[in-house]
C-alpha atoms as a PDB file:
ATOM      1  CA  MET A   1    -120.628 162.190 219.779  1.00  0.00           C
ATOM      2  CA  PRO A   2    -121.684 158.503 219.721  1.00  0.00           C
ATOM      3  CA  PHE A   3    -118.858 156.022 220.151  1.00  0.00           C
ATOM      4  CA  ASP A   4    -117.842 154.223 216.948  1.00  0.00           C
ATOM      5  CA  PRO A   5    -115.985 150.986 217.773  1.00  0.00           C
ATOM      6  CA  GLN A   6    -114.585 150.820 214.248  1.00  0.00           C
ATOM      7  CA  SER A   7    -112.639 154.044 214.755  1.00  0.00           C
ATOM      8  CA  SER A   8    -110.963 153.003 217.997  1.00  0.00           C
ATOM      9  CA  ALA A   9    -107.191 152.525 217.873  1.00  0.00           C
ATOM     10  CA  PHE A  10    -107.403 150.897 221.297  1.00  0.00           C
ATOM     11  CA  LEU A  11    -109.895 148.210 220.261  1.00  0.00           C
ATOM     12  CA  ALA A  12    -108.090 147.592 216.974  1.00  0.00           C
ATOM     13  CA  THR A  13    -104.825 147.083 218.825  1.00  0.00           C
ATOM     14  CA  CYS A  14    -106.540 144.664 221.216  1.00  0.00           C
ATOM     15  CA  ARG A  15    -107.310 142.614 218.098  1.00  0.00           C
ATOM     16  CA  ARG A  16    -103.738 143.074 216.779  1.00  0.00           C
ATOM     17  CA  GLU A  17    -105.029 145.006 213.791  1.00  0.00           C
ATOM     18  CA  PRO A  18    -103.089 147.868 212.156  1.00  0.00           C
ATOM     19  CA  THR A  19    -103.723 151.311 213.627  1.00  0.00           C
ATOM     20  CA  GLU A  20    -102.694 154.835 212.718  1.00  0.00           C
ATOM     21  CA  ARG A  21    -101.159 155.384 216.146  1.00  0.00           C
ATOM     22  CA  VAL A  22    -100.212 153.553 219.310  1.00  0.00           C
ATOM     23  CA  PRO A  23    -103.133 153.877 221.743  1.00  0.00           C
ATOM     24  CA  VAL A  24    -102.549 155.212 225.248  1.00  0.00           C
ATOM     25  CA  TRP A  25    -104.457 155.026 228.504  1.00  0.00           C
ATOM     26  CA  PHE A  26    -103.437 155.161 232.153  1.00  0.00           C
ATOM     27  CA  MET A  27    -104.445 152.861 234.974  1.00  0.00           C
ATOM     28  CA  ARG A  28    -105.920 154.756 237.885  1.00  0.00           C
ATOM     29  CA  GLN A  29    -105.729 157.520 235.334  1.00  0.00           C
ATOM     30  CA  ALA A  30    -107.401 160.219 237.442  1.00  0.00           C
ATOM     31  CA  GLY A  31    -104.693 159.082 239.812  1.00  0.00           C
ATOM     32  CA  ARG A  32    -105.664 161.461 242.580  1.00  0.00           C
ATOM     33  CA  SER A  33    -103.239 163.821 240.863  1.00  0.00           C
ATOM     34  CA  LEU A  34    -105.702 165.986 238.947  1.00  0.00           C
ATOM     35  CA  PRO A  35    -106.739 169.150 240.791  1.00  0.00           C
ATOM     36  CA  GLU A  36    -110.214 168.828 239.269  1.00  0.00           C
ATOM     37  CA  TYR A  37    -110.430 165.309 240.726  1.00  0.00           C
ATOM     38  CA  ARG A  38    -109.581 166.510 244.216  1.00  0.00           C
ATOM     39  CA  ALA A  39    -112.054 169.355 243.858  1.00  0.00           C
ATOM     40  CA  VAL A  40    -115.036 167.088 243.175  1.00  0.00           C
ATOM     41  CA  ARG A  41    -114.010 164.130 245.359  1.00  0.00           C
ATOM     42  CA  GLY A  42    -113.599 166.082 248.558  1.00  0.00           C
ATOM     43  CA  ASP A  43    -112.802 164.181 251.738  1.00  0.00           C
ATOM     44  CA  GLY A  44    -115.555 161.563 251.654  1.00  0.00           C
ATOM     45  CA  SER A  45    -115.170 157.821 251.234  1.00  0.00           C
ATOM     46  CA  ILE A  46    -114.286 156.550 247.780  1.00  0.00           C
ATOM     47  CA  ASN A  47    -117.204 154.132 248.175  1.00  0.00           C
ATOM     48  CA  THR A  48    -119.529 157.121 248.474  1.00  0.00           C
ATOM     49  CA  ALA A  49    -118.103 158.577 245.271  1.00  0.00           C
ATOM     50  CA  ILE A  50    -118.427 155.269 243.407  1.00  0.00           C
ATOM     51  CA  ALA A  51    -122.076 155.017 244.522  1.00  0.00           C
ATOM     52  CA  ASN A  52    -122.831 158.441 243.003  1.00  0.00           C
ATOM     53  CA  PRO A  53    -123.238 157.863 239.242  1.00  0.00           C
ATOM     54  CA  ASP A  54    -123.003 161.534 238.295  1.00  0.00           C
ATOM     55  CA  LEU A  55    -119.825 161.983 240.307  1.00  0.00           C
ATOM     56  CA  ALA A  56    -118.309 158.707 239.111  1.00  0.00           C
ATOM     57  CA  THR A  57    -119.090 159.691 235.530  1.00  0.00           C
ATOM     58  CA  GLU A  58    -117.350 163.037 235.954  1.00  0.00           C
ATOM     59  CA  ILE A  59    -114.287 161.469 237.594  1.00  0.00           C
ATOM     60  CA  THR A  60    -114.015 158.897 234.793  1.00  0.00           C
ATOM     61  CA  LEU A  61    -114.132 161.608 232.130  1.00  0.00           C
ATOM     62  CA  GLN A  62    -111.713 164.071 233.729  1.00  0.00           C
ATOM     63  CA  PRO A  63    -108.503 162.361 232.567  1.00  0.00           C
ATOM     64  CA  VAL A  64    -110.022 161.731 229.132  1.00  0.00           C
ATOM     65  CA  ARG A  65    -110.518 165.467 228.710  1.00  0.00           C
ATOM     66  CA  ARG A  66    -107.156 166.354 230.224  1.00  0.00           C
ATOM     67  CA  TYR A  67    -104.884 163.815 228.554  1.00  0.00           C
ATOM     68  CA  GLY A  68    -106.514 162.879 225.244  1.00  0.00           C
ATOM     69  CA  VAL A  69    -106.183 159.157 225.966  1.00  0.00           C
ATOM     70  CA  ASP A  70    -107.622 156.487 223.689  1.00  0.00           C
ATOM     71  CA  ALA A  71    -109.719 154.641 226.288  1.00  0.00           C
ATOM     72  CA  ALA A  72    -111.440 155.424 229.574  1.00  0.00           C
ATOM     73  CA  ILE A  73    -111.282 153.242 232.675  1.00  0.00           C
ATOM     74  CA  LEU A  74    -114.396 153.095 234.839  1.00  0.00           C
ATOM     75  CA  PHE A  75    -114.100 154.880 238.189  1.00  0.00           C
ATOM     76  CA  SER A  76    -114.742 152.076 240.653  1.00  0.00           C
ATOM     77  CA  ASP A  77    -112.676 149.668 242.750  1.00  0.00           C
ATOM     78  CA  ILE A  78    -111.795 145.995 242.699  1.00  0.00           C
ATOM     79  CA  VAL A  79    -113.491 145.459 246.079  1.00  0.00           C
ATOM     80  CA  THR A  80    -116.712 147.274 245.108  1.00  0.00           C
ATOM     81  CA  PRO A  81    -118.668 144.009 244.550  1.00  0.00           C
ATOM     82  CA  VAL A  82    -117.510 142.537 247.871  1.00  0.00           C
ATOM     83  CA  HIS A  83    -118.358 145.786 249.634  1.00  0.00           C
ATOM     84  CA  ALA A  84    -121.769 145.842 247.935  1.00  0.00           C
ATOM     85  CA  ILE A  85    -122.781 142.377 249.181  1.00  0.00           C
ATOM     86  CA  GLY A  86    -122.102 143.453 252.763  1.00  0.00           C
ATOM     87  CA  PHE A  87    -118.956 141.433 253.440  1.00  0.00           C
ATOM     88  CA  GLY A  88    -117.576 144.213 255.599  1.00  0.00           C
ATOM     89  CA  ILE A  89    -114.731 145.834 253.677  1.00  0.00           C
ATOM     90  CA  ASP A  90    -113.934 149.503 253.299  1.00  0.00           C
ATOM     91  CA  ILE A  91    -111.265 151.522 251.519  1.00  0.00           C
ATOM     92  CA  LYS A  92    -109.318 153.577 254.013  1.00  0.00           C
ATOM     93  CA  PRO A  93    -107.539 156.662 252.639  1.00  0.00           C
ATOM     94  CA  GLY A  94    -103.804 156.142 252.506  1.00  0.00           C
ATOM     95  CA  VAL A  95    -104.184 152.472 253.392  1.00  0.00           C
ATOM     96  CA  GLY A  96    -106.390 150.650 250.897  1.00  0.00           C
ATOM     97  CA  PRO A  97    -109.052 147.957 251.305  1.00  0.00           C
ATOM     98  CA  VAL A  98    -109.496 146.886 254.923  1.00  0.00           C
ATOM     99  CA  ALA A  99    -111.723 143.975 255.994  1.00  0.00           C
ATOM    100  CA  GLU A 100    -113.446 144.341 259.350  1.00  0.00           C
ATOM    101  CA  LYS A 101    -113.505 140.581 259.934  1.00  0.00           C
ATOM    102  CA  PRO A 102    -111.019 138.676 257.765  1.00  0.00           C
ATOM    103  CA  ILE A 103    -111.822 135.192 256.528  1.00  0.00           C
ATOM    104  CA  THR A 104    -110.417 132.578 258.890  1.00  0.00           C
ATOM    105  CA  SER A 105    -112.605 129.504 258.415  1.00  0.00           C
ATOM    106  CA  ALA A 106    -115.194 127.864 256.186  1.00  0.00           C
ATOM    107  CA  ASP A 107    -117.923 129.515 258.252  1.00  0.00           C
ATOM    108  CA  ASP A 108    -116.928 132.836 256.669  1.00  0.00           C
ATOM    109  CA  LEU A 109    -117.849 131.598 253.190  1.00  0.00           C
ATOM    110  CA  ARG A 110    -121.487 132.456 253.881  1.00  0.00           C
ATOM    111  CA  ARG A 111    -120.460 136.113 253.825  1.00  0.00           C
ATOM    112  CA  LEU A 112    -119.472 135.735 250.161  1.00  0.00           C
ATOM    113  CA  ARG A 113    -122.968 135.499 248.739  1.00  0.00           C
ATOM    114  CA  PRO A 114    -123.552 135.786 244.973  1.00  0.00           C
ATOM    115  CA  LEU A 115    -123.549 139.267 243.470  1.00  0.00           C
ATOM    116  CA  ASP A 116    -126.727 140.651 241.894  1.00  0.00           C
ATOM    117  CA  PRO A 117    -125.495 143.682 239.917  1.00  0.00           C
ATOM    118  CA  GLU A 118    -128.938 145.175 239.368  1.00  0.00           C
ATOM    119  CA  ALA A 119    -129.697 145.073 243.087  1.00  0.00           C
ATOM    120  CA  ASP A 120    -126.220 145.392 244.615  1.00  0.00           C
ATOM    121  CA  THR A 121    -124.360 147.744 242.280  1.00  0.00           C
ATOM    122  CA  PRO A 122    -126.991 149.584 240.215  1.00  0.00           C
ATOM    123  CA  TYR A 123    -124.918 152.771 240.555  1.00  0.00           C
ATOM    124  CA  VAL A 124    -122.034 151.149 238.659  1.00  0.00           C
ATOM    125  CA  LEU A 125    -124.337 150.225 235.805  1.00  0.00           C
ATOM    126  CA  GLU A 126    -125.843 153.713 235.726  1.00  0.00           C
ATOM    127  CA  THR A 127    -122.358 155.222 235.584  1.00  0.00           C
ATOM    128  CA  ILE A 128    -121.490 153.011 232.628  1.00  0.00           C
ATOM    129  CA  ARG A 129    -124.665 154.000 230.800  1.00  0.00           C
ATOM    130  CA  ASN A 130    -123.887 157.664 231.458  1.00  0.00           C
ATOM    131  CA  LEU A 131    -120.379 157.257 230.081  1.00  0.00           C
ATOM    132  CA  VAL A 132    -121.445 155.386 226.979  1.00  0.00           C
ATOM    133  CA  ALA A 133    -123.891 158.187 226.223  1.00  0.00           C
ATOM    134  CA  GLU A 134    -121.338 160.934 226.807  1.00  0.00           C
ATOM    135  CA  HIS A 135    -117.955 159.857 225.474  1.00  0.00           C
ATOM    136  CA  ASP A 136    -116.627 158.871 222.053  1.00  0.00           C
ATOM    137  CA  ILE A 137    -113.871 156.474 223.141  1.00  0.00           C
ATOM    138  CA  PRO A 138    -114.144 152.917 224.494  1.00  0.00           C
ATOM    139  CA  LEU A 139    -114.850 152.336 228.169  1.00  0.00           C
ATOM    140  CA  ILE A 140    -112.868 149.664 229.989  1.00  0.00           C
ATOM    141  CA  GLY A 141    -114.770 147.809 232.690  1.00  0.00           C
ATOM    142  CA  PHE A 142    -112.869 145.785 235.244  1.00  0.00           C
ATOM    143  CA  ALA A 143    -112.836 143.363 238.127  1.00  0.00           C
ATOM    144  CA  GLY A 144    -110.342 142.234 240.716  1.00  0.00           C
ATOM    145  CA  ALA A 145    -108.818 138.828 240.119  1.00  0.00           C
ATOM    146  CA  PRO A 146    -109.818 136.265 242.753  1.00  0.00           C
ATOM    147  CA  PHE A 147    -106.342 135.984 244.274  1.00  0.00           C
ATOM    148  CA  THR A 148    -105.811 139.708 244.722  1.00  0.00           C
ATOM    149  CA  VAL A 149    -109.274 140.293 246.198  1.00  0.00           C
ATOM    150  CA  ALA A 150    -108.915 137.211 248.397  1.00  0.00           C
ATOM    151  CA  SER A 151    -105.650 138.524 249.779  1.00  0.00           C
ATOM    152  CA  TYR A 152    -107.468 141.539 251.236  1.00  0.00           C
ATOM    153  CA  LEU A 153    -110.244 139.372 252.663  1.00  0.00           C
ATOM    154  CA  ILE A 154    -107.806 136.940 254.284  1.00  0.00           C
ATOM    155  CA  GLU A 155    -105.117 139.373 255.421  1.00  0.00           C
ATOM    156  CA  GLY A 156    -107.615 141.984 256.582  1.00  0.00           C
ATOM    157  CA  GLY A 157    -105.884 144.670 254.518  1.00  0.00           C
ATOM    158  CA  PRO A 158    -102.800 145.345 252.402  1.00  0.00           C
ATOM    159  CA  SER A 159     -99.920 142.982 253.164  1.00  0.00           C
ATOM    160  CA  LYS A 160     -96.332 142.983 251.984  1.00  0.00           C
ATOM    161  CA  ASN A 161     -95.737 139.234 251.954  1.00  0.00           C
ATOM    162  CA  LYS A 162     -99.305 137.816 251.972  1.00  0.00           C
ATOM    163  CA  ALA A 163     -98.342 135.453 254.795  1.00  0.00           C
ATOM    164  CA  ARG A 164    -101.871 134.528 255.902  1.00  0.00           C
ATOM    165  CA  THR A 165    -102.996 134.079 252.313  1.00  0.00           C
ATOM    166  CA  LYS A 166    -100.143 131.760 251.412  1.00  0.00           C
ATOM    167  CA  SER A 167    -100.564 129.830 254.659  1.00  0.00           C
ATOM    168  CA  MET A 168    -104.244 129.236 253.936  1.00  0.00           C
ATOM    169  CA  MET A 169    -103.363 128.261 250.376  1.00  0.00           C
ATOM    170  CA  LEU A 170    -101.111 125.493 251.683  1.00  0.00           C
ATOM    171  CA  ASP A 171    -102.790 124.516 254.957  1.00  0.00           C
ATOM    172  CA  ALA A 172    -106.448 124.743 253.879  1.00  0.00           C
ATOM    173  CA  PRO A 173    -106.432 124.378 250.089  1.00  0.00           C
ATOM    174  CA  GLU A 174    -110.116 123.447 249.898  1.00  0.00           C
ATOM    175  CA  LEU A 175    -111.143 126.587 251.761  1.00  0.00           C
ATOM    176  CA  PHE A 176    -108.782 128.711 249.690  1.00  0.00           C
ATOM    177  CA  THR A 177    -110.122 127.246 246.452  1.00  0.00           C
ATOM    178  CA  SER A 178    -113.704 127.855 247.588  1.00  0.00           C
ATOM    179  CA  ILE A 179    -112.928 131.510 248.309  1.00  0.00           C
ATOM    180  CA  LEU A 180    -111.349 132.019 244.886  1.00  0.00           C
ATOM    181  CA  ASP A 181    -114.187 130.176 243.179  1.00  0.00           C
ATOM    182  CA  ARG A 182    -116.814 132.425 244.766  1.00  0.00           C
ATOM    183  CA  LEU A 183    -114.824 135.529 243.916  1.00  0.00           C
ATOM    184  CA  ALA A 184    -114.462 134.290 240.338  1.00  0.00           C
ATOM    185  CA  ASP A 185    -118.236 133.909 240.072  1.00  0.00           C
ATOM    186  CA  MET A 186    -118.642 137.417 241.451  1.00  0.00           C
ATOM    187  CA  ALA A 187    -116.186 138.808 238.899  1.00  0.00           C
ATOM    188  CA  ILE A 188    -117.935 137.014 236.043  1.00  0.00           C
ATOM    189  CA  VAL A 189    -121.334 138.416 236.983  1.00  0.00           C
ATOM    190  CA  SER A 190    -119.894 141.900 237.488  1.00  0.00           C
ATOM    191  CA  LEU A 191    -117.976 141.958 234.192  1.00  0.00           C
ATOM    192  CA  THR A 192    -120.947 140.559 232.286  1.00  0.00           C
ATOM    193  CA  SER A 193    -123.186 143.310 233.660  1.00  0.00           C
ATOM    194  CA  GLN A 194    -120.613 145.961 232.788  1.00  0.00           C
ATOM    195  CA  VAL A 195    -120.391 144.790 229.182  1.00  0.00           C
ATOM    196  CA  ALA A 196    -124.177 144.462 228.940  1.00  0.00           C
ATOM    197  CA  ASN A 197    -124.454 148.122 229.883  1.00  0.00           C
ATOM    198  CA  GLY A 198    -121.850 149.360 227.435  1.00  0.00           C
ATOM    199  CA  ALA A 199    -118.257 148.562 228.442  1.00  0.00           C
ATOM    200  CA  SER A 200    -116.170 147.871 225.313  1.00  0.00           C
ATOM    201  CA  ALA A 201    -113.351 145.933 226.998  1.00  0.00           C
ATOM    202  CA  VAL A 202    -112.583 144.425 230.395  1.00  0.00           C
ATOM    203  CA  GLN A 203    -109.473 144.210 232.516  1.00  0.00           C
ATOM    204  CA  VAL A 204    -108.842 141.768 235.338  1.00  0.00           C
ATOM    205  CA  PHE A 205    -106.507 143.232 237.946  1.00  0.00           C
ATOM    206  CA  ASP A 206    -104.351 140.595 239.627  1.00  0.00           C
ATOM    207  CA  SER A 207    -102.131 143.238 241.149  1.00  0.00           C
ATOM    208  CA  TRP A 208    -100.553 141.034 243.821  1.00  0.00           C
ATOM    209  CA  ALA A 209    -100.103 137.773 241.901  1.00  0.00           C
ATOM    210  CA  GLY A 210     -96.432 138.640 241.530  1.00  0.00           C
ATOM    211  CA  CYS A 211     -95.807 137.450 245.089  1.00  0.00           C
ATOM    212  CA  LEU A 212     -96.312 133.871 243.894  1.00  0.00           C
ATOM    213  CA  SER A 213     -93.907 131.453 242.266  1.00  0.00           C
ATOM    214  CA  PRO A 214     -95.003 130.112 238.870  1.00  0.00           C
ATOM    215  CA  ASP A 215     -95.711 126.737 240.468  1.00  0.00           C
ATOM    216  CA  MET A 216     -97.972 128.184 243.167  1.00  0.00           C
ATOM    217  CA  TYR A 217     -99.710 130.455 240.679  1.00  0.00           C
ATOM    218  CA  GLU A 218    -100.400 127.612 238.269  1.00  0.00           C
ATOM    219  CA  ARG A 219    -101.571 125.234 240.978  1.00  0.00           C
ATOM    220  CA  TYR A 220    -103.703 127.466 243.184  1.00  0.00           C
ATOM    221  CA  VAL A 221    -104.588 130.647 241.284  1.00  0.00           C
ATOM    222  CA  LEU A 222    -104.667 130.047 237.546  1.00  0.00           C
ATOM    223  CA  PRO A 223    -107.879 127.919 237.541  1.00  0.00           C
ATOM    224  CA  ALA A 224    -110.001 130.694 239.060  1.00  0.00           C
ATOM    225  CA  SER A 225    -108.632 133.336 236.685  1.00  0.00           C
ATOM    226  CA  GLN A 226    -109.099 130.941 233.784  1.00  0.00           C
ATOM    227  CA  LYS A 227    -112.721 130.499 234.810  1.00  0.00           C
ATOM    228  CA  ILE A 228    -113.302 134.250 234.495  1.00  0.00           C
ATOM    229  CA  PHE A 229    -111.682 134.665 231.095  1.00  0.00           C
ATOM    230  CA  GLU A 230    -113.465 131.637 229.668  1.00  0.00           C
ATOM    231  CA  ALA A 231    -116.834 132.843 230.977  1.00  0.00           C
ATOM    232  CA  VAL A 232    -116.526 136.339 229.517  1.00  0.00           C
ATOM    233  CA  ALA A 233    -115.123 135.197 226.162  1.00  0.00           C
ATOM    234  CA  PRO A 234    -118.605 134.882 224.572  1.00  0.00           C
ATOM    235  CA  LEU A 235    -119.196 138.584 225.331  1.00  0.00           C
ATOM    236  CA  GLY A 236    -116.904 139.354 222.399  1.00  0.00           C
ATOM    237  CA  VAL A 237    -114.915 142.172 224.013  1.00  0.00           C
ATOM    238  CA  PRO A 238    -111.131 142.336 224.519  1.00  0.00           C
ATOM    239  CA  ARG A 239    -109.924 140.813 227.786  1.00  0.00           C
ATOM    240  CA  ILE A 240    -106.862 142.276 229.502  1.00  0.00           C
ATOM    241  CA  HIS A 241    -104.914 140.593 232.299  1.00  0.00           C
ATOM    242  CA  PHE A 242    -102.747 142.771 234.528  1.00  0.00           C
ATOM    243  CA  GLY A 243    -100.379 142.311 237.446  1.00  0.00           C
ATOM    244  CA  ILE A 244     -97.124 143.741 238.770  1.00  0.00           C
ATOM    245  CA  ASN A 245     -93.912 141.839 239.499  1.00  0.00           C
ATOM    246  CA  THR A 246     -95.323 139.180 237.191  1.00  0.00           C
ATOM    247  CA  GLY A 247     -92.426 138.805 234.771  1.00  0.00           C
ATOM    248  CA  GLU A 248     -92.109 135.111 235.563  1.00  0.00           C
ATOM    249  CA  LEU A 249     -95.886 134.618 235.266  1.00  0.00           C
ATOM    250  CA  LEU A 250     -96.524 136.286 231.906  1.00  0.00           C
ATOM    251  CA  ALA A 251     -96.975 133.090 229.902  1.00  0.00           C
ATOM    252  CA  LEU A 252     -99.306 131.669 232.552  1.00  0.00           C
ATOM    253  CA  MET A 253    -101.324 134.884 232.663  1.00  0.00           C
ATOM    254  CA  ARG A 254    -101.820 134.650 228.937  1.00  0.00           C
ATOM    255  CA  ALA A 255    -102.721 130.980 229.287  1.00  0.00           C
ATOM    256  CA  ALA A 256    -105.585 132.056 231.535  1.00  0.00           C
ATOM    257  CA  GLY A 257    -107.279 133.251 228.359  1.00  0.00           C
ATOM    258  CA  ALA A 258    -106.379 136.924 228.116  1.00  0.00           C
ATOM    259  CA  ASP A 259    -106.237 138.687 224.763  1.00  0.00           C
ATOM    260  CA  VAL A 260    -103.896 141.354 226.130  1.00  0.00           C
ATOM    261  CA  VAL A 261    -101.319 140.961 228.908  1.00  0.00           C
ATOM    262  CA  GLY A 262    -100.094 143.866 231.001  1.00  0.00           C
ATOM    263  CA  VAL A 263     -96.345 144.190 231.447  1.00  0.00           C
ATOM    264  CA  ASP A 264     -94.769 146.092 234.315  1.00  0.00           C
ATOM    265  CA  TRP A 265     -91.581 148.156 234.035  1.00  0.00           C
ATOM    266  CA  LEU A 266     -89.324 145.357 235.347  1.00  0.00           C
ATOM    267  CA  VAL A 267     -89.547 143.391 232.105  1.00  0.00           C
ATOM    268  CA  PRO A 268     -88.492 145.056 228.812  1.00  0.00           C
ATOM    269  CA  LEU A 269     -91.160 144.862 226.133  1.00  0.00           C
ATOM    270  CA  ASP A 270     -88.970 142.822 223.801  1.00  0.00           C
ATOM    271  CA  VAL A 271     -88.304 140.285 226.562  1.00  0.00           C
ATOM    272  CA  ALA A 272     -92.011 140.164 227.388  1.00  0.00           C
ATOM    273  CA  ARG A 273     -92.801 139.338 223.766  1.00  0.00           C
ATOM    274  CA  GLN A 274     -90.302 136.489 223.842  1.00  0.00           C
ATOM    275  CA  ARG A 275     -92.066 135.053 226.875  1.00  0.00           C
ATOM    276  CA  LEU A 276     -95.579 135.606 225.527  1.00  0.00           C
ATOM    277  CA  GLY A 277     -95.045 134.554 221.919  1.00  0.00           C
ATOM    278  CA  PRO A 278     -94.734 136.367 218.578  1.00  0.00           C
ATOM    279  CA  ASP A 279     -98.474 137.004 218.154  1.00  0.00           C
ATOM    280  CA  SER A 280     -98.941 138.469 221.628  1.00  0.00           C
ATOM    281  CA  ILE A 281    -100.652 141.746 222.452  1.00  0.00           C
ATOM    282  CA  ILE A 282     -99.088 143.636 225.330  1.00  0.00           C
ATOM    283  CA  GLN A 283     -99.866 146.662 227.442  1.00  0.00           C
ATOM    284  CA  GLY A 284     -97.337 148.795 229.333  1.00  0.00           C
ATOM    285  CA  ASN A 285     -94.764 149.533 230.562  1.00  0.00           C
ATOM    286  CA  LEU A 286     -93.329 152.875 231.730  1.00  0.00           C
ATOM    287  CA  ASP A 287     -92.373 152.990 235.412  1.00  0.00           C
ATOM    288  CA  PRO A 288     -94.921 155.383 236.997  1.00  0.00           C
ATOM    289  CA  VAL A 289     -92.255 156.743 239.334  1.00  0.00           C
ATOM    290  CA  LEU A 290     -90.304 158.060 236.352  1.00  0.00           C
ATOM    291  CA  CYS A 291     -93.192 160.425 235.636  1.00  0.00           C
ATOM    292  CA  LEU A 292     -92.163 162.365 238.739  1.00  0.00           C
ATOM    293  CA  ALA A 293     -88.945 163.469 237.006  1.00  0.00           C
ATOM    294  CA  GLN A 294     -88.483 166.556 234.832  1.00  0.00           C
ATOM    295  CA  TRP A 295     -89.792 166.340 231.276  1.00  0.00           C
ATOM    296  CA  PRO A 296     -86.462 165.727 229.452  1.00  0.00           C
ATOM    297  CA  ALA A 297     -85.833 162.634 231.580  1.00  0.00           C
ATOM    298  CA  VAL A 298     -89.434 161.422 231.189  1.00  0.00           C
ATOM    299  CA  ALA A 299     -89.302 161.921 227.426  1.00  0.00           C
ATOM    300  CA  ASP A 300     -86.083 159.914 227.250  1.00  0.00           C
ATOM    301  CA  ALA A 301     -87.678 157.095 229.266  1.00  0.00           C
ATOM    302  CA  VAL A 302     -90.769 157.054 227.036  1.00  0.00           C
ATOM    303  CA  ARG A 303     -88.590 156.897 223.920  1.00  0.00           C
ATOM    304  CA  ARG A 304     -86.669 153.951 225.375  1.00  0.00           C
ATOM    305  CA  VAL A 305     -89.939 152.080 225.873  1.00  0.00           C
ATOM    306  CA  ILE A 306     -90.963 152.913 222.314  1.00  0.00           C
ATOM    307  CA  ALA A 307     -87.618 151.610 221.076  1.00  0.00           C
ATOM    308  CA  GLN A 308     -88.026 148.361 223.007  1.00  0.00           C
ATOM    309  CA  ASN A 309     -91.265 147.674 221.184  1.00  0.00           C
ATOM    310  CA  ALA A 310     -89.346 148.052 217.889  1.00  0.00           C
ATOM    311  CA  GLY A 311     -92.446 148.746 215.846  1.00  0.00           C
ATOM    312  CA  GLU A 312     -94.172 145.483 216.757  1.00  0.00           C
ATOM    313  CA  PRO A 313     -97.956 145.503 216.288  1.00  0.00           C
ATOM    314  CA  GLY A 314    -100.230 144.758 219.213  1.00  0.00           C
ATOM    315  CA  TRP A 315     -98.933 147.308 221.731  1.00  0.00           C
ATOM    316  CA  ILE A 316    -100.951 149.577 224.025  1.00  0.00           C
ATOM    317  CA  PHE A 317     -98.868 152.197 225.814  1.00  0.00           C
ATOM    318  CA  ASN A 318     -99.531 152.417 229.526  1.00  0.00           C
ATOM    319  CA  LEU A 319     -97.677 152.751 232.776  1.00  0.00           C
ATOM    320  CA  GLY A 320     -96.530 149.602 234.506  1.00  0.00           C
ATOM    321  CA  HIS A 321     -98.964 150.379 237.333  1.00  0.00           C
ATOM    322  CA  GLY A 322    -101.287 153.197 238.369  1.00  0.00           C
ATOM    323  CA  VAL A 323    -100.616 156.927 238.175  1.00  0.00           C
ATOM    324  CA  LEU A 324     -99.049 158.186 241.407  1.00  0.00           C
ATOM    325  CA  PRO A 325    -100.958 160.936 243.276  1.00  0.00           C
ATOM    326  CA  GLU A 326     -98.049 163.383 243.150  1.00  0.00           C
ATOM    327  CA  THR A 327     -97.656 163.158 239.356  1.00  0.00           C
ATOM    328  CA  ASP A 328     -97.773 166.462 237.497  1.00  0.00           C
ATOM    329  CA  PRO A 329    -100.719 166.200 235.051  1.00  0.00           C
ATOM    330  CA  ALA A 330     -98.766 168.268 232.515  1.00  0.00           C
ATOM    331  CA  ILE A 331     -96.182 165.475 232.329  1.00  0.00           C
ATOM    332  CA  LEU A 332     -98.834 162.892 231.434  1.00  0.00           C
ATOM    333  CA  GLU A 333    -100.276 165.226 228.809  1.00  0.00           C
ATOM    334  CA  ARG A 334     -96.865 165.384 227.169  1.00  0.00           C
ATOM    335  CA  VAL A 335     -96.397 161.603 227.451  1.00  0.00           C
ATOM    336  CA  VAL A 336     -99.589 161.044 225.473  1.00  0.00           C
ATOM    337  CA  GLU A 337     -98.554 163.621 222.866  1.00  0.00           C
ATOM    338  CA  LEU A 338     -95.109 162.053 222.476  1.00  0.00           C
ATOM    339  CA  VAL A 339     -96.404 158.495 222.090  1.00  0.00           C
ATOM    340  CA  HIS A 340     -99.030 159.572 219.574  1.00  0.00           C
ATOM    341  CA  ALA A 341     -96.426 161.506 217.605  1.00  0.00           C
ATOM    342  CA  GLU A 342     -93.437 159.154 217.687  1.00  0.00           C
ATOM    343  CA  ALA A 343     -94.577 155.579 218.322  1.00  0.00           C
ATOM    344  CA  HIS A 344     -95.239 153.656 215.133  1.00  0.00           C
ATOM    345  CA  LEU A 345     -96.125 150.029 214.558  1.00  0.00           C
ATOM    346  CA  GLY A 346     -94.940 147.694 211.863  1.00  0.00           C
ATOM    347  CA  GLY A 347     -97.093 146.963 208.847  1.00  0.00           C
ATOM    348  CA  GLN A 348     -98.406 150.492 208.514  1.00  0.00           C
END
């Protein structure tokens, strides 16, 4: 069935328009928890799976079929563009993105050449075209925010305190700014190509921005994120900004130009609205760990989140971060059913 944007509760909510139900989708929604996902993924590299359009299409659609969500998120990764240009970064199972040779000096900037989506990531574009032809709900394209991607390139892999990244930020601000600027350009080109091929919305993942104080975020990180949101604004699709541990950064994240701001489980929805303003559109915010509990406890937690929203328009239900691999898919099915049945927005 062809996708009709006018019938999408997700897209309407992104515009703060009235909807018949609260839309739901899950970040990392296949989440490595679906048995059908594990069956088709096998033991190969995630980069190999992303580069296979038929496989990536199937993995994207699996949670849509299973959960009945209101939007699909493209199966890809925030470091896919950097991997595609040959920087030297891989995604190690159980670890995450790992850079073979981290950035240490200005000489390394030459390794961050511009992205050419048609030449470098044609498989991503083919996957999007496949999905647009096959599904009847909106597809969310995405990119990694410059700071979060840069942290992997500077640290060499996941890091708890981002020590090297923060040190470079302070000791070599020109180099740090140049890295973020190049990554911003890469994100802009990638997101533009995704929308051109059929993505109906985009999300910028700044997963690790929460390690920064508001002052450091505003001074060193906000300009690059702002550059992305301003550049993709003419595309006319909703723009979502997401991070975790970002309760103190919410207003700044919205100031970057996002239409929708993701809220993690550490900030109640009503408090988030106070920080973002009365006309804000928010996404979140059930703690993904709570989905490991038995259904009565999960249902109670979902209802508490619904109550915190208090019927305010402009709310997309989601977890505060990605689905955990050990999550029982049946629990997420029931979460979607409960939200669709019990969550109502004002003005309807």
